[in-house]
């Protein structure tokens, strides 16, 4: 074995020489002697930051210092990002938008084009359930409960109610990802009520509930507290009670709702109904009108746009009332079964404009009232059986003032009818193969008629939930001379029976499965091509629901869903029959 050669002095010196550069290179580079950003004004820095992306603002700029944290959260920067991500893609679908001046706009970081973002008009910027933006948490109580009213543009509105565009971006981002926090809101304590379920409606951050035991209550969804409460019989007692008039349906005047008050209508099993005014500032309910019980039977649906009220009974008797009564009409009202008005009535007895009776239509029904520039339109969507299956029909009632006598009551000037193509019942699952939602408690008999389980209509979208775990979307085209329904577009995504769904006039829909925790958000604006309906599953982070066992979740039932711009509200029925509200918060 050869002996190792001894290392010479030259080798040791060369090794030391080679190590020195490595030690020297490991030192960090020296910082520049002059800070070129700090001396700049906020205006120049904002101009520089306008070229950065959202991730760069959040993770690279904001942690640098307090000043850069404040600048990175500037509302004008986030206003441009909000426009580029959530408004501009919608505007590009408007015919002629690309060829116009607005079509030359670019997103953040695309040069001078982004200056036009700050003069967006109402129709381009409007978003959310009522065409507004979500009020800031730091605002007044009225701002937190309402979306606010637009002026001529957003700049005029911002003078009165500053908008946090970073918060708006965060909320829309959470909606797009289905990311939210969940909290359960107990509706009452004590023994479970098995006679009748709780009715819920949501409008602008307020949930209104009605039931025979606790009466009419308004919940502030921010604080999770009851802000107004009254008995359904009009008494002021706030204790536990039970009245003979069991509520069966509820409606809210969303078009007339504002930060101060909103109108609520409650229908009963005995055929009567009542009208209430919810005063948010005074935290009270005011009873406006009480209609006596009727021989027509239980009310199963209502639509309210004051002064018009549309009701439907279980036997599909649809009635259209108006509370706008001239003096001569109020003296000779057409309601023969009206009794003497009770004390403290806030509005006169309504006038029956028309009553429609169908012997072929059946539930589910969807009622709607909307106002245009020239007329008010009351719409009825219904289901009817055909020779081999079923179909969905729609009827529009156009209400206009009498051209011969402007002082008289309004009259129905036109009636339009439309229906979808018949669906063969053989293409749907037979009753024995329905989803788990078709339990004995939800279906009266195993031989239930085929067709939709739920209908919801907000012009121009008609959405139907089918027993095969799918949704069908129809676009409604309504003019003064015609009413048409587009062919149905099947929407896939749910893996269990759909309990309820709701859709807004801007094409955002939320659907919930009756069993389990499956809930999806759909973006359907302008319709969707077959199979292209984009949906996101809502996944709650934290909360008690995430800790429950899967078997317990399956025993619970989700009976109703509603939402506004910040939250989704689901009515849950537990194994014992006790009901509660699940609040999914996207803020």
Protein backbone atom coordinates (compact mmCIF):
# COMPACT_ATOMS: atom_id res chain seq x y z
CA UNK A 1 0.00 0.00 0.00
CA UNK A 2 1.42 3.32 -1.02
CA UNK A 3 2.07 5.87 1.70
CA UNK A 4 0.22 9.15 1.56
CA UNK A 5 2.12 12.08 0.17
CA UNK A 6 2.77 14.81 2.69
CA UNK A 7 1.04 18.09 1.93
CA UNK A 8 3.45 20.77 0.98
CA UNK A 9 3.51 24.40 2.06
CA UNK A 10 2.33 25.49 -1.35
CA UNK A 11 -0.82 23.36 -1.06
CA UNK A 12 -1.71 24.78 2.35
CA UNK A 13 -1.25 28.33 1.14
CA UNK A 14 -3.43 27.75 -1.93
CA UNK A 15 -6.18 26.26 0.24
CA UNK A 16 -6.24 29.31 2.51
CA UNK A 17 -6.35 31.53 -0.52
CA UNK A 18 -9.36 29.65 -1.94
CA UNK A 19 -11.37 29.92 1.29
CA UNK A 20 -11.14 33.66 1.64
CA UNK A 21 -13.49 34.51 -1.27
CA UNK A 22 -16.14 32.18 0.11
CA UNK A 23 -16.04 33.80 3.52
CA UNK A 24 -16.12 37.24 1.97
CA UNK A 25 -19.05 36.39 -0.35
CA UNK A 26 -21.18 35.11 2.54
CA UNK A 27 -21.58 38.64 3.93
CA UNK A 28 -24.82 40.37 2.84
CA UNK A 29 -24.42 43.16 0.34
CA UNK A 30 -24.15 46.57 1.83
CA UNK A 31 -27.37 48.58 1.93
CA UNK A 32 -27.63 51.67 -0.23
CA UNK A 33 -26.59 54.75 1.59
CA UNK A 34 -29.70 56.62 0.45
CA UNK A 35 -33.39 55.64 0.86
CA UNK A 36 -35.02 56.62 -2.41
CA UNK A 37 -38.64 55.78 -1.47
CA UNK A 38 -39.21 57.31 1.95
CA UNK A 39 -38.67 60.92 0.82
CA UNK A 40 -41.35 60.56 -1.85
CA UNK A 41 -44.80 61.94 -1.18
CA UNK A 42 -47.79 59.70 -0.59
CA UNK A 43 -49.21 60.67 -3.97
CA UNK A 44 -46.12 59.45 -5.82
CA UNK A 45 -45.93 56.27 -3.79
CA UNK A 46 -49.58 55.52 -4.50
CA UNK A 47 -48.89 56.01 -8.19
CA UNK A 48 -46.02 53.50 -7.96
CA UNK A 49 -48.07 51.02 -5.94
CA UNK A 50 -50.85 51.14 -8.51
CA UNK A 51 -48.66 49.01 -10.80
CA UNK A 52 -48.39 46.18 -8.25
CA UNK A 53 -50.59 43.13 -7.97
CA UNK A 54 -52.79 42.20 -5.03
CA UNK A 55 -50.26 39.67 -3.69
CA UNK A 56 -47.45 42.21 -3.91
CA UNK A 57 -49.47 44.78 -1.97
CA UNK A 58 -50.39 42.30 0.76
CA UNK A 59 -47.16 40.34 1.21
CA UNK A 60 -44.35 42.58 -0.08
CA UNK A 61 -45.38 46.16 0.64
CA UNK A 62 -47.73 46.07 3.60
CA UNK A 63 -45.28 44.46 6.12
CA UNK A 64 -42.48 46.98 5.42
CA UNK A 65 -43.58 49.75 7.78
CA UNK A 66 -46.65 51.43 9.20
CA UNK A 67 -46.60 54.00 6.45
CA UNK A 68 -46.44 51.41 3.69
CA UNK A 69 -49.09 49.35 5.46
CA UNK A 70 -51.40 52.37 5.35
CA UNK A 71 -50.59 53.13 1.72
CA UNK A 72 -51.00 49.50 0.62
CA UNK A 73 -54.53 49.56 2.01
CA UNK A 74 -55.53 52.77 0.26
CA UNK A 75 -59.10 52.56 -0.98
CA UNK A 76 -58.29 53.90 -4.45
CA UNK A 77 -55.78 51.12 -5.08
CA UNK A 78 -58.28 48.45 -4.11
CA UNK A 79 -61.01 50.17 -6.05
CA UNK A 80 -59.03 49.60 -9.24
CA UNK A 81 -58.33 45.97 -8.35
CA UNK A 82 -62.00 45.43 -7.49
CA UNK A 83 -63.02 46.83 -10.86
CA UNK A 84 -60.48 44.77 -12.81
CA UNK A 85 -61.42 41.46 -11.20
CA UNK A 86 -65.14 41.66 -10.46
CA UNK A 87 -66.68 44.41 -12.62
CA UNK A 88 -64.73 44.52 -15.87
CA UNK A 89 -65.32 40.83 -16.78
CA UNK A 90 -69.06 41.41 -16.39
CA UNK A 91 -68.93 44.64 -18.38
CA UNK A 92 -67.11 42.89 -21.23
CA UNK A 93 -70.20 40.75 -21.75
CA UNK A 94 -72.31 43.83 -22.48
CA UNK A 95 -72.85 44.17 -26.25
CA UNK A 96 -70.81 47.06 -27.64
CA UNK A 97 -68.76 47.57 -24.49
CA UNK A 98 -65.48 46.48 -26.07
CA UNK A 99 -65.91 48.88 -28.98
CA UNK A 100 -66.76 51.83 -26.76
CA UNK A 101 -64.52 54.08 -24.76
CA UNK A 102 -64.98 51.89 -21.70
CA UNK A 103 -63.54 48.99 -23.61
CA UNK A 104 -60.16 50.74 -23.69
CA UNK A 105 -59.83 50.43 -19.93
CA UNK A 106 -57.13 48.24 -18.52
CA UNK A 107 -56.53 46.73 -15.15
CA UNK A 108 -54.09 47.86 -12.48
CA UNK A 109 -50.64 48.21 -13.86
CA UNK A 110 -51.73 48.78 -17.46
CA UNK A 111 -50.92 52.41 -17.86
CA UNK A 112 -53.27 55.36 -18.14
CA UNK A 113 -56.33 53.24 -18.79
CA UNK A 114 -57.01 52.63 -15.11
CA UNK A 115 -57.88 56.30 -14.57
CA UNK A 116 -61.29 55.62 -16.07
CA UNK A 117 -62.00 53.13 -13.29
CA UNK A 118 -62.78 55.91 -10.87
CA UNK A 119 -65.65 57.31 -12.90
CA UNK A 120 -67.60 54.07 -13.31
CA UNK A 121 -71.32 54.51 -13.57
CA UNK A 122 -73.92 52.84 -11.45
CA UNK A 123 -74.77 50.13 -13.95
CA UNK A 124 -71.16 49.06 -14.32
CA UNK A 125 -70.24 49.22 -10.66
CA UNK A 126 -73.46 47.92 -9.17
CA UNK A 127 -73.15 44.54 -7.58
CA UNK A 128 -74.61 42.44 -4.83
CA UNK A 129 -78.21 41.59 -4.12
CA UNK A 130 -79.71 45.06 -4.62
CA UNK A 131 -77.14 46.59 -6.92
CA UNK A 132 -75.06 48.14 -4.16
CA UNK A 133 -71.98 47.49 -2.10
CA UNK A 134 -71.61 46.11 1.37
CA UNK A 135 -71.67 48.77 4.05
CA UNK A 136 -68.53 49.28 6.11
CA UNK A 137 -68.42 47.92 9.64
CA UNK A 138 -67.18 51.23 10.95
CA UNK A 139 -70.30 53.06 9.80
CA UNK A 140 -73.43 53.82 11.72
CA UNK A 141 -76.07 51.26 12.57
CA UNK A 142 -78.07 52.16 9.50
CA UNK A 143 -75.00 51.68 7.33
CA UNK A 144 -74.39 48.25 8.82
CA UNK A 145 -77.95 47.10 8.24
CA UNK A 146 -78.41 48.51 4.72
CA UNK A 147 -76.54 48.63 1.47
CA UNK A 148 -77.07 52.33 0.97
CA UNK A 149 -78.60 54.18 -1.95
CA UNK A 150 -76.68 55.26 -4.99
CA UNK A 151 -76.62 58.80 -6.25
CA UNK A 152 -75.59 59.70 -9.76
CA UNK A 153 -72.35 57.76 -9.30
CA UNK A 154 -70.08 56.21 -6.74
CA UNK A 155 -68.12 59.40 -6.16
CA UNK A 156 -71.24 61.21 -5.01
CA UNK A 157 -72.16 58.30 -2.77
CA UNK A 158 -68.65 58.22 -1.31
CA UNK A 159 -69.06 61.79 -0.06
CA UNK A 160 -71.75 60.60 2.34
CA UNK A 161 -70.68 57.02 3.07
CA UNK A 162 -66.99 56.23 2.50
CA UNK A 163 -66.51 52.79 1.00
CA UNK A 164 -63.68 50.51 2.06
CA UNK A 165 -62.80 48.95 -1.27
CA UNK A 166 -60.26 46.65 0.33
CA UNK A 167 -63.07 45.19 2.42
CA UNK A 168 -65.30 44.91 -0.65
CA UNK A 169 -62.53 43.04 -2.45
CA UNK A 170 -62.04 40.68 0.49
CA UNK A 171 -65.74 39.84 0.69
CA UNK A 172 -66.01 39.12 -3.04
CA UNK A 173 -62.79 37.10 -2.90
CA UNK A 174 -64.18 34.97 -0.07
CA UNK A 175 -67.40 34.43 -2.06
CA UNK A 176 -65.40 33.30 -5.07
CA UNK A 177 -63.49 30.77 -2.98
CA UNK A 178 -66.41 29.67 -0.81
CA UNK A 179 -64.47 30.65 2.29
CA UNK A 180 -66.46 31.72 5.34
CA UNK A 181 -66.95 31.34 9.07
CA UNK A 182 -70.04 29.63 10.45
CA UNK A 183 -71.98 30.27 13.63
CA UNK A 184 -75.20 28.73 14.90
CA UNK A 185 -77.96 31.04 16.08
CA UNK A 186 -80.43 29.44 18.48
CA UNK A 187 -83.99 30.49 17.78
CA UNK A 188 -85.41 29.41 21.13
CA UNK A 189 -84.96 27.19 24.15
CA UNK A 190 -87.18 24.58 25.70
CA UNK A 191 -89.07 21.68 24.20
CA UNK A 192 -88.91 21.21 20.47
CA UNK A 193 -91.89 22.49 18.53
CA UNK A 194 -93.28 19.88 16.18
CA UNK A 195 -96.47 21.63 15.06
CA UNK A 196 -94.97 24.15 12.65
CA UNK A 197 -91.61 25.23 11.38
CA UNK A 198 -89.98 28.64 11.65
CA UNK A 199 -90.26 30.98 8.64
CA UNK A 200 -87.26 33.13 7.70
CA UNK A 201 -86.51 35.98 5.31
CA UNK A 202 -83.25 37.93 4.98
CA UNK A 203 -82.87 41.52 3.78
CA UNK A 204 -79.87 43.84 4.14
CA UNK A 205 -78.22 42.29 7.18
CA UNK A 206 -81.48 41.56 9.02
CA UNK A 207 -83.18 38.17 9.37
CA UNK A 208 -86.91 38.24 10.07
CA UNK A 209 -88.36 35.08 11.62
CA UNK A 210 -91.99 34.16 12.27
CA UNK A 211 -93.40 31.24 14.23
CA UNK A 212 -96.46 30.51 16.34
CA UNK A 213 -94.53 30.32 19.60
CA UNK A 214 -92.26 33.38 19.55
CA UNK A 215 -94.10 35.56 17.05
CA UNK A 216 -92.31 37.98 14.75
CA UNK A 217 -88.64 38.70 15.45
CA UNK A 218 -85.91 40.68 13.68
CA UNK A 219 -82.28 39.58 14.17
CA UNK A 220 -79.25 41.73 13.54
CA UNK A 221 -76.93 39.29 11.79
CA UNK A 222 -73.85 41.27 12.82
CA UNK A 223 -74.48 41.20 16.56
CA UNK A 224 -76.59 37.98 16.43
CA UNK A 225 -79.16 39.69 18.66
CA UNK A 226 -82.89 40.31 18.47
CA UNK A 227 -83.50 43.98 17.63
CA UNK A 228 -87.31 43.88 17.39
CA UNK A 229 -89.99 41.52 18.63
CA UNK A 230 -93.78 41.36 18.66
CA UNK A 231 -96.57 38.89 19.04
CA UNK A 232 -98.46 37.93 15.93
CA UNK A 233 -101.72 38.96 17.58
CA UNK A 234 -100.34 42.49 18.02
CA UNK A 235 -99.90 42.45 21.81
CA UNK A 236 -96.78 43.83 23.45
CA UNK A 237 -96.15 40.87 25.77
CA UNK A 238 -92.65 39.55 25.12
CA UNK A 239 -93.05 36.32 27.03
CA UNK A 240 -93.51 32.81 25.75
CA UNK A 241 -96.83 32.38 23.99
CA UNK A 242 -98.75 30.41 21.39
CA UNK A 243 -101.48 31.82 19.16
CA UNK A 244 -104.11 30.11 17.06
CA UNK A 245 -102.95 31.82 13.86
CA UNK A 246 -100.04 29.63 12.74
CA UNK A 247 -97.81 31.37 10.15
CA UNK A 248 -97.33 29.48 6.90
CA UNK A 249 -95.43 31.94 4.65
CA UNK A 250 -93.58 35.24 4.87
CA UNK A 251 -92.54 37.98 2.43
CA UNK A 252 -90.46 41.18 2.64
CA UNK A 253 -90.63 44.27 0.45
CA UNK A 254 -87.00 44.23 -0.66
CA UNK A 255 -87.46 46.99 -3.23
CA UNK A 256 -88.83 49.38 -0.61
CA UNK A 257 -86.42 48.43 2.17
CA UNK A 258 -83.99 51.06 3.45
CA UNK A 259 -81.87 51.77 6.50
CA UNK A 260 -84.83 52.97 8.56
CA UNK A 261 -87.74 50.63 7.87
CA UNK A 262 -89.03 47.76 5.79
CA UNK A 263 -92.44 46.15 5.26
CA UNK A 264 -93.15 42.52 6.17
CA UNK A 265 -96.17 40.35 5.27
CA UNK A 266 -97.05 37.13 7.10
CA UNK A 267 -99.55 34.55 5.82
CA UNK A 268 -101.37 32.04 8.02
CA UNK A 269 -102.75 28.53 7.76
CA UNK A 270 -106.30 29.83 8.23
CA UNK A 271 -106.06 31.89 5.02
CA UNK A 272 -105.54 35.28 6.67
CA UNK A 273 -102.50 37.53 6.52
CA UNK A 274 -101.03 40.53 8.32
CA UNK A 275 -98.89 43.47 7.27
CA UNK A 276 -96.14 44.89 9.51
CA UNK A 277 -93.65 47.75 9.38
CA UNK A 278 -90.23 47.01 10.86
CA UNK A 279 -88.62 50.19 12.26
CA UNK A 280 -84.92 49.51 12.64
CA UNK A 281 -84.03 52.71 14.45
CA UNK A 282 -86.90 52.39 16.94
CA UNK A 283 -86.34 48.61 17.16
CA UNK A 284 -90.03 47.86 16.91
CA UNK A 285 -92.74 46.32 14.74
CA UNK A 286 -95.84 48.31 13.79
CA UNK A 287 -98.93 46.41 12.72
CA UNK A 288 -100.34 48.01 9.57
CA UNK A 289 -103.15 45.65 8.66
CA UNK A 290 -104.74 42.38 9.77
CA UNK A 291 -106.75 40.37 7.25
CA UNK A 292 -109.25 37.90 8.71
CA UNK A 293 -109.18 34.20 8.04
CA UNK A 294 -110.59 32.95 4.75
CA UNK A 295 -112.38 29.87 3.51
CA UNK A 296 -109.94 29.65 0.60
CA UNK A 297 -107.48 27.70 2.73
CA UNK A 298 -103.85 27.90 3.80
CA UNK A 299 -101.52 30.44 2.20
CA UNK A 300 -98.33 28.82 0.89
CA UNK A 301 -96.68 31.76 -0.88
CA UNK A 302 -96.53 35.55 -0.86
CA UNK A 303 -94.80 38.37 -2.71
CA UNK A 304 -94.78 41.96 -1.48
CA UNK A 305 -93.90 45.20 -3.21
CA UNK A 306 -95.92 47.84 -1.44
CA UNK A 307 -98.66 48.76 -2.21
CA UNK A 308 -99.09 45.40 -4.02
CA UNK A 309 -99.43 42.01 -2.36
CA UNK A 310 -99.61 38.69 -4.20
CA UNK A 311 -100.80 35.57 -2.35
CA UNK A 312 -101.29 31.90 -3.26
CA UNK A 313 -103.21 29.18 -1.43
CA UNK A 314 -102.51 25.46 -1.32
CA UNK A 315 -105.35 24.93 -3.80
CA UNK A 316 -103.51 27.31 -6.21
CA UNK A 317 -105.83 30.28 -5.82
CA UNK A 318 -103.72 33.36 -6.60
CA UNK A 319 -104.94 36.79 -5.45
CA UNK A 320 -103.48 40.21 -6.22
CA UNK A 321 -104.23 43.04 -3.77
CA UNK A 322 -103.38 46.72 -3.70
CA UNK A 323 -103.31 49.02 -0.67
CA UNK A 324 -103.31 52.12 -2.89
CA UNK A 325 -107.03 52.82 -2.67
CA UNK A 326 -108.77 55.97 -3.97
CA UNK A 327 -111.47 57.45 -1.76
CA UNK A 328 -114.36 56.20 -3.89
CA UNK A 329 -112.86 52.72 -4.17
CA UNK A 330 -112.29 52.41 -0.44
CA UNK A 331 -115.96 53.13 0.22
CA UNK A 332 -117.07 50.29 -2.06
CA UNK A 333 -114.28 47.76 -1.63
CA UNK A 334 -114.48 44.54 -3.59
CA UNK A 335 -113.53 42.41 -0.59
CA UNK A 336 -116.83 41.01 0.62
CA UNK A 337 -115.35 39.12 3.54
CA UNK A 338 -113.56 42.07 5.15
CA UNK A 339 -114.53 42.85 8.72
CA UNK A 340 -114.38 46.15 10.53
CA UNK A 341 -110.74 47.33 10.66
CA UNK A 342 -109.05 46.86 13.99
CA UNK A 343 -107.79 49.85 15.97
CA UNK A 344 -104.40 51.35 15.06
CA UNK A 345 -104.54 50.09 11.48
CA UNK A 346 -101.84 51.89 9.53
CA UNK A 347 -103.22 51.27 6.02
CA UNK A 348 -106.77 50.93 4.64
CA UNK A 349 -108.27 47.61 3.70
CA UNK A 350 -106.79 46.35 0.42
CA UNK A 351 -108.58 46.23 -2.91
CA UNK A 352 -108.68 42.93 -4.79
CA UNK A 353 -107.41 43.57 -8.31
CA UNK A 354 -107.83 40.01 -9.58
CA UNK A 355 -108.08 36.41 -8.49
CA UNK A 356 -106.85 33.44 -10.53
CA UNK A 357 -107.89 29.84 -10.00
CA UNK A 358 -106.19 26.86 -11.65
CA UNK A 359 -107.34 23.25 -11.67
CA UNK A 360 -104.20 21.87 -13.34
CA UNK A 361 -101.40 23.79 -11.63
CA UNK A 362 -99.72 22.52 -8.49
CA UNK A 363 -96.95 23.34 -6.09
CA UNK A 364 -94.19 24.37 -6.02
CA UNK A 365 -95.00 27.99 -6.84
CA UNK A 366 -92.83 31.09 -7.09
CA UNK A 367 -94.35 34.57 -6.78
CA UNK A 368 -92.69 37.86 -7.67
CA UNK A 369 -93.57 41.56 -8.03
CA UNK A 370 -91.25 43.98 -9.77
CA UNK A 371 -91.57 47.59 -10.89
CA UNK A 372 -90.42 48.99 -14.22
CA UNK A 373 -90.46 52.52 -15.56
CA UNK A 374 -93.87 52.11 -17.15
CA UNK A 375 -95.65 49.38 -15.23
CA UNK A 376 -95.70 46.99 -12.29
CA UNK A 377 -95.49 43.29 -13.13
CA UNK A 378 -96.77 40.49 -10.90
CA UNK A 379 -95.40 37.08 -11.92
CA UNK A 380 -96.53 33.58 -11.02
CA UNK A 381 -94.32 30.57 -11.79
CA UNK A 382 -95.95 27.19 -11.30
CA UNK A 383 -95.76 23.50 -12.18
CA UNK A 384 -98.36 21.53 -14.09
CA UNK A 385 -98.60 17.95 -15.29
CA UNK A 386 -98.55 16.96 -18.95
CA UNK A 387 -99.48 13.72 -20.68
CA UNK A 388 -96.14 12.03 -20.06
CA UNK A 389 -94.47 14.28 -17.54
CA UNK A 390 -94.50 17.85 -16.33
CA UNK A 391 -93.78 21.42 -17.38
CA UNK A 392 -93.17 24.83 -15.81
CA UNK A 393 -95.50 27.69 -16.66
CA UNK A 394 -95.38 31.42 -16.01
CA UNK A 395 -97.97 34.18 -16.09
CA UNK A 396 -97.29 37.93 -15.96
CA UNK A 397 -99.89 40.48 -14.88
CA UNK A 398 -99.12 44.03 -16.05
CA UNK A 399 -100.58 46.67 -13.73
CA UNK A 400 -101.02 50.23 -15.01
CA UNK A 401 -103.09 53.28 -14.04
CA UNK A 402 -106.43 53.68 -15.73
CA UNK A 403 -105.73 56.01 -18.70
CA UNK A 404 -109.31 57.34 -18.63
CA UNK A 405 -109.40 58.15 -14.93
CA UNK A 406 -106.08 58.75 -13.17
CA UNK A 407 -107.83 59.15 -9.81
CA UNK A 408 -109.27 55.64 -9.88
CA UNK A 409 -107.52 52.49 -8.78
CA UNK A 410 -105.01 50.78 -11.05
CA UNK A 411 -106.07 47.99 -13.36
CA UNK A 412 -104.49 45.00 -15.07
CA UNK A 413 -103.75 46.07 -18.62
CA UNK A 414 -102.28 42.84 -20.00
CA UNK A 415 -101.75 39.18 -19.15
CA UNK A 416 -98.93 37.14 -20.69
CA UNK A 417 -98.45 33.37 -20.57
CA UNK A 418 -95.45 31.15 -21.28
CA UNK A 419 -94.37 27.63 -20.49
CA UNK A 420 -91.39 25.35 -20.98
CA UNK A 421 -91.22 22.28 -23.14
CA UNK A 422 -92.73 19.22 -21.50
CA UNK A 423 -90.29 17.02 -19.62
CA UNK A 424 -90.89 13.29 -19.85
CA UNK A 425 -91.13 11.88 -16.34
CA UNK A 426 -89.19 8.86 -17.54
CA UNK A 427 -86.05 11.01 -17.76
CA UNK A 428 -86.21 11.75 -14.05
CA UNK A 429 -85.60 9.33 -11.24
CA UNK A 430 -88.72 7.42 -10.15
CA UNK A 431 -89.99 8.03 -6.64
CA UNK A 432 -88.38 4.83 -5.36
CA UNK A 433 -84.95 6.02 -6.53
CA UNK A 434 -85.11 9.57 -5.28
CA UNK A 435 -82.34 11.14 -3.26
CA UNK A 436 -82.25 10.82 0.55
CA UNK A 437 -84.07 14.16 0.79
CA UNK A 438 -87.29 12.36 -0.18
CA UNK A 439 -87.85 11.06 3.31
CA UNK A 440 -91.30 10.34 4.76
CA UNK A 441 -91.13 13.63 6.65
CA UNK A 442 -90.56 15.67 3.49
CA UNK A 443 -92.78 13.74 1.05
CA UNK A 444 -96.42 13.02 1.83
CA UNK A 445 -96.40 9.71 -0.04
CA UNK A 446 -93.99 7.58 -2.07
CA UNK A 447 -96.11 8.26 -5.17
CA UNK A 448 -95.38 11.99 -5.30
CA UNK A 449 -95.91 13.62 -8.67
CA UNK A 450 -92.76 14.13 -10.75
CA UNK A 451 -91.39 17.58 -11.28
CA UNK A 452 -89.40 20.25 -9.45
CA UNK A 453 -89.15 20.19 -5.68
CA UNK A 454 -88.44 23.94 -5.46
CA UNK A 455 -88.99 26.97 -7.70
CA UNK A 456 -87.39 30.37 -7.21
CA UNK A 457 -87.79 33.34 -9.54
CA UNK A 458 -86.05 36.69 -9.61
CA UNK A 459 -86.31 38.34 -12.99
CA UNK A 460 -84.85 37.30 -15.38
CA UNK A 461 -83.80 34.00 -13.78
CA UNK A 462 -86.10 31.06 -13.03
CA UNK A 463 -84.35 28.29 -11.11
CA UNK A 464 -85.85 24.87 -10.42
CA UNK A 465 -84.47 22.12 -8.18
CA UNK A 466 -85.13 18.56 -9.35
CA UNK A 467 -85.25 15.29 -7.39
CA UNK A 468 -82.16 13.98 -9.25
CA UNK A 469 -79.84 16.40 -7.38
CA UNK A 470 -79.61 18.89 -10.25
CA UNK A 471 -80.82 22.41 -10.97
CA UNK A 472 -82.44 23.73 -14.15
CA UNK A 473 -82.04 27.38 -15.15
CA UNK A 474 -84.45 29.24 -17.45
CA UNK A 475 -84.00 32.81 -18.69
CA UNK A 476 -87.23 34.82 -18.78
CA UNK A 477 -87.75 37.46 -21.47
CA UNK A 478 -90.65 39.78 -20.69
CA UNK A 479 -91.84 42.66 -22.84
CA UNK A 480 -95.08 44.58 -23.17
CA UNK A 481 -96.17 42.24 -25.94
CA UNK A 482 -94.61 38.84 -25.21
CA UNK A 483 -93.32 36.51 -22.51
CA UNK A 484 -90.89 33.68 -23.30
CA UNK A 485 -88.88 31.10 -21.38
CA UNK A 486 -85.57 29.84 -22.70
CA UNK A 487 -84.78 26.12 -22.89
CA UNK A 488 -83.61 24.73 -19.58
CA UNK A 489 -79.92 24.55 -18.74
CA UNK A 490 -79.03 21.65 -16.45
CA UNK A 491 -76.63 22.51 -13.61
CA UNK A 492 -74.63 19.71 -12.01
CA UNK A 493 -72.70 19.73 -8.76
CA UNK A 494 -74.81 18.50 -5.87
CA UNK A 495 -74.33 14.94 -4.67
CA UNK A 496 -77.49 14.74 -2.55
CA UNK A 497 -81.07 16.01 -2.63
CA UNK A 498 -81.46 19.79 -2.92
CA UNK A 499 -83.66 21.27 -0.22
CA UNK A 500 -83.87 24.91 -1.32
CA UNK A 501 -82.26 27.48 -3.60
CA UNK A 502 -82.38 31.23 -4.09
CA UNK A 503 -81.20 33.45 -6.93
CA UNK A 504 -80.75 37.20 -7.35
CA UNK A 505 -81.41 39.44 -10.32
CA UNK A 506 -77.67 39.41 -11.07
CA UNK A 507 -77.44 35.67 -11.45
CA UNK A 508 -75.87 34.74 -8.11
CA UNK A 509 -77.55 31.68 -6.63
CA UNK A 510 -77.09 29.62 -3.48
CA UNK A 511 -78.39 26.07 -3.14
CA UNK A 512 -78.30 23.78 -0.11
CA UNK A 513 -78.73 20.04 0.28
CA UNK A 514 -81.30 18.80 2.74
CA UNK A 515 -78.89 16.31 4.31
CA UNK A 516 -75.25 16.84 5.14
CA UNK A 517 -73.28 20.07 4.80
CA UNK A 518 -73.26 20.50 1.01
CA UNK A 519 -73.94 24.07 -0.11
CA UNK A 520 -72.94 25.69 -3.40
CA UNK A 521 -72.68 29.22 -4.82
CA UNK A 522 -73.48 29.64 -8.53
CA UNK A 523 -72.50 32.48 -10.86
CA UNK A 524 -75.15 32.37 -13.59
CA UNK A 525 -75.25 35.94 -14.87
CA UNK A 526 -76.42 36.06 -18.46
CA UNK A 527 -77.21 32.36 -18.38
CA UNK A 528 -74.79 29.50 -18.76
CA UNK A 529 -73.98 27.07 -21.51
CA UNK A 530 -74.95 23.46 -20.84
CA UNK A 531 -72.50 22.01 -18.34
CA UNK A 532 -70.63 25.30 -17.85
CA UNK A 533 -72.49 26.67 -14.83
CA UNK A 534 -69.70 27.66 -12.47
CA UNK A 535 -70.27 26.77 -8.84
CA UNK A 536 -68.16 26.83 -5.71
CA UNK A 537 -68.77 24.70 -2.66
CA UNK A 538 -69.03 26.69 0.55
CA UNK A 539 -66.60 25.40 3.14
CA UNK A 540 -66.87 26.82 6.62
CA UNK A 541 -63.73 27.29 8.69
CA UNK A 542 -64.12 26.46 12.37
CA UNK A 543 -67.40 26.53 14.19
CA UNK A 544 -69.30 23.80 15.95
CA UNK A 545 -70.55 22.29 12.71
CA UNK A 546 -66.99 21.33 11.73
CA UNK A 547 -66.57 19.29 14.91
CA UNK A 548 -69.74 17.22 14.68
CA UNK A 549 -69.66 13.66 13.49
CA UNK A 550 -70.69 12.90 9.94
CA UNK A 551 -73.54 10.70 11.14
CA UNK A 552 -75.01 13.52 13.24
CA UNK A 553 -74.80 15.90 10.29
CA UNK A 554 -76.76 13.48 8.13
CA UNK A 555 -79.56 13.36 10.69
CA UNK A 556 -80.00 17.13 10.49
CA UNK A 557 -82.15 18.74 7.82
CA UNK A 558 -81.62 22.01 5.99
CA UNK A 559 -85.07 23.38 5.15
CA UNK A 560 -84.41 26.86 3.76
CA UNK A 561 -81.59 29.07 2.47
CA UNK A 562 -81.32 32.83 1.99
CA UNK A 563 -78.45 35.26 1.59
CA UNK A 564 -77.40 38.86 1.23
CA UNK A 565 -74.09 40.40 0.17
CA UNK A 566 -72.20 39.32 3.28
CA UNK A 567 -73.84 36.19 4.64
CA UNK A 568 -75.72 33.01 3.81
CA UNK A 569 -78.45 31.97 6.24
CA UNK A 570 -79.60 28.34 6.46
CA UNK A 571 -82.52 27.09 8.55
CA UNK A 572 -81.46 23.85 10.22
CA UNK A 573 -83.67 21.31 11.92
CA UNK A 574 -81.93 19.07 14.45
CA UNK A 575 -82.66 15.47 15.33
CA UNK A 576 -84.99 16.55 18.15
CA UNK A 577 -86.95 18.86 15.86
CA UNK A 578 -85.46 22.05 17.31
CA UNK A 579 -84.63 24.64 14.67
CA UNK A 580 -81.75 27.09 14.48
CA UNK A 581 -80.10 29.40 11.97
CA UNK A 582 -76.65 28.71 10.56
CA UNK A 583 -74.95 32.01 9.70
CA UNK A 584 -72.16 31.70 7.12
CA UNK A 585 -70.19 34.95 7.32
CA UNK A 586 -67.98 35.91 4.34
CA UNK A 587 -66.54 39.06 5.92
